[in-house]
Amino acid sequence: MSTPRATTTTTVPTNRRQDVPAAIRLSRREVEGDLAPAGRRPGADTGDPQVRSRPVTSGGPERIGVWECAPGGWAVENRLDTETCVILSGRARITDRDGGRTFEISAGDLLVLPAGWSGRWDVVETVRKVFVTC
């Protein structure tokens, strides 16, 4: 007498669940394209850091977009959210208030500023970045 074999049934969903966010892609055209003027960076205390940006709709609580800023500097006190960004072009100095560590960021660098971070941005050459905050 032979033992029956188990059958496996694979179900392929036909509809995406409503509570699962979709993947988000930024094309090269979106990343390198024109950005909308957003005025002078609030709190700027050196230079004239004019900001340009393009927000991307994510459908979730996070904010995603492309951001560019001309040379200038400003302090950041106790960030409310975590920002992860990739620097596309330009140069800036980031200074941690706690510990006083200063480092330079430039094209290709990944930067994570956690919620609660305090420090300083000093843009040396116009910086463009792609960012996600949550």
Protein backbone atom coordinates (compact mmCIF):
# COMPACT_ATOMS: atom_id res chain seq x y z
CA MET A 1 0.00 0.00 0.00
CA SER A 2 1.47 3.35 -0.95
CA THR A 3 1.48 6.41 1.27
CA PRO A 4 -0.42 9.41 -0.19
CA ARG A 5 1.76 12.35 -1.13
CA ALA A 6 1.06 15.78 0.30
CA THR A 7 0.11 18.42 -2.19
CA THR A 8 1.23 21.97 -1.90
CA THR A 9 -0.94 24.73 -3.20
CA THR A 10 0.58 28.13 -3.82
CA THR A 11 -1.81 31.02 -3.83
CA VAL A 12 -0.74 34.07 -5.79
CA PRO A 13 -2.50 37.17 -4.51
CA THR A 14 -4.37 39.07 -7.15
CA ASN A 15 -4.68 42.29 -5.15
CA ARG A 16 -2.15 44.03 -2.95
CA ARG A 17 -3.24 44.29 0.68
CA GLN A 18 -4.32 47.82 1.51
CA ASP A 19 -2.15 48.02 4.65
CA VAL A 20 1.09 47.18 2.83
CA PRO A 21 2.84 50.22 1.35
CA ALA A 22 4.03 50.13 -2.23
CA ALA A 23 7.69 50.37 -3.17
CA ILE A 24 8.86 53.88 -3.99
CA ARG A 25 11.24 54.60 -6.85
CA LEU A 26 12.83 57.89 -7.79
CA SER A 27 14.02 58.00 -11.38
CA ARG A 28 17.28 59.65 -12.34
CA ARG A 29 15.21 62.38 -14.05
CA GLU A 30 13.40 63.11 -10.75
CA VAL A 31 16.62 63.12 -8.73
CA GLU A 32 18.57 65.32 -11.17
CA GLY A 33 15.66 67.49 -12.36
CA ASP A 34 14.56 70.99 -11.44
CA LEU A 35 13.51 71.62 -7.85
CA ALA A 36 11.00 74.15 -6.54
CA PRO A 37 12.37 77.16 -4.63
CA ALA A 38 11.53 76.94 -0.91
CA GLY A 39 13.22 80.13 0.38
CA ARG A 40 15.97 80.70 2.93
CA ARG A 41 16.69 77.86 5.36
CA PRO A 42 14.91 78.72 8.65
CA GLY A 43 17.35 79.49 11.46
CA ALA A 44 20.26 80.23 9.12
CA ASP A 45 22.98 82.26 10.82
CA THR A 46 25.66 82.35 8.10
CA GLY A 47 25.60 82.74 4.33
CA ASP A 48 22.39 82.71 2.32
CA PRO A 49 21.28 79.06 2.31
CA GLN A 50 18.49 79.12 -0.27
CA VAL A 51 16.63 75.81 -0.37
CA ARG A 52 15.07 74.05 -3.35
CA SER A 53 13.16 70.79 -3.02
CA ARG A 54 10.83 68.21 -4.54
CA PRO A 55 8.69 66.17 -2.13
CA VAL A 56 7.67 62.67 -3.15
CA THR A 57 4.31 61.26 -2.07
CA SER A 58 4.84 57.99 -0.23
CA GLY A 59 1.37 57.21 1.06
CA GLY A 60 2.83 56.66 4.52
CA PRO A 61 3.97 58.71 7.49
CA GLU A 62 7.52 59.12 6.19
CA ARG A 63 8.66 62.12 4.15
CA ILE A 64 10.70 61.45 1.04
CA GLY A 65 12.20 63.90 -1.40
CA VAL A 66 15.08 65.63 -3.09
CA TRP A 67 16.57 68.66 -1.32
CA GLU A 68 19.20 71.18 -2.34
CA CYS A 69 20.74 74.01 -0.36
CA ALA A 70 23.16 76.82 -1.26
CA PRO A 71 26.10 77.63 1.06
CA GLY A 72 25.30 78.75 4.59
CA GLY A 73 24.96 77.38 8.09
CA TRP A 74 22.39 76.69 10.81
CA ALA A 75 22.00 74.88 14.09
CA VAL A 76 19.65 71.93 14.60
CA GLU A 77 18.20 71.37 18.05
CA ASN A 78 16.73 68.03 19.07
CA ARG A 79 15.54 66.61 15.70
CA LEU A 80 11.98 65.36 15.92
CA ASP A 81 12.48 62.53 13.42
CA THR A 82 15.26 60.38 11.96
CA GLU A 83 16.62 61.42 8.59
CA THR A 84 18.52 59.09 6.29
CA CYS A 85 19.97 60.70 3.19
CA VAL A 86 22.42 60.11 0.36
CA ILE A 87 24.46 63.11 -0.74
CA LEU A 88 24.32 63.47 -4.52
CA SER A 89 26.54 66.52 -4.96
CA GLY A 90 28.23 69.32 -3.04
CA ARG A 91 30.00 69.46 0.32
CA ALA A 92 28.97 70.29 3.87
CA ARG A 93 30.39 70.04 7.38
CA ILE A 94 28.26 68.36 10.03
CA THR A 95 29.05 69.03 13.69
CA ASP A 96 27.61 66.94 16.51
CA ARG A 97 26.83 69.17 19.48
CA ASP A 98 27.48 66.35 21.92
CA GLY A 99 31.13 65.47 21.63
CA GLY A 100 31.85 68.26 19.15
CA ARG A 101 32.83 65.86 16.35
CA THR A 102 32.93 67.55 12.92
CA PHE A 103 33.09 65.68 9.62
CA GLU A 104 32.64 66.54 5.96
CA ILE A 105 30.01 64.95 3.74
CA SER A 106 30.12 64.90 -0.05
CA ALA A 107 28.76 63.03 -3.10
CA GLY A 108 28.18 59.35 -2.38
CA ASP A 109 28.04 59.65 1.41
CA LEU A 110 25.17 58.23 3.45
CA LEU A 111 24.17 60.29 6.48
CA VAL A 112 21.81 59.30 9.29
CA LEU A 113 20.66 61.97 11.76
CA PRO A 114 18.66 60.23 14.50
CA ALA A 115 15.66 61.67 16.31
CA GLY A 116 16.98 63.79 19.17
CA TRP A 117 20.17 64.76 17.31
CA SER A 118 21.50 68.27 17.89
CA GLY A 119 24.30 69.83 15.93
CA ARG A 120 25.11 72.03 13.00
CA TRP A 121 25.07 72.04 9.20
CA ASP A 122 27.55 74.23 7.33
CA VAL A 123 27.09 73.91 3.56
CA VAL A 124 30.38 74.70 1.80
CA GLU A 125 29.30 73.91 -1.81
CA THR A 126 25.63 73.62 -2.79
CA VAL A 127 24.43 70.24 -1.51
CA ARG A 128 21.81 68.04 -3.17
CA LYS A 129 20.51 64.98 -1.35
CA VAL A 130 17.76 62.38 -1.50
CA PHE A 131 16.22 61.96 1.93
CA VAL A 132 13.76 59.86 3.94
CA THR A 133 12.53 60.97 7.34
CA CYS A 134 10.42 58.94 9.72
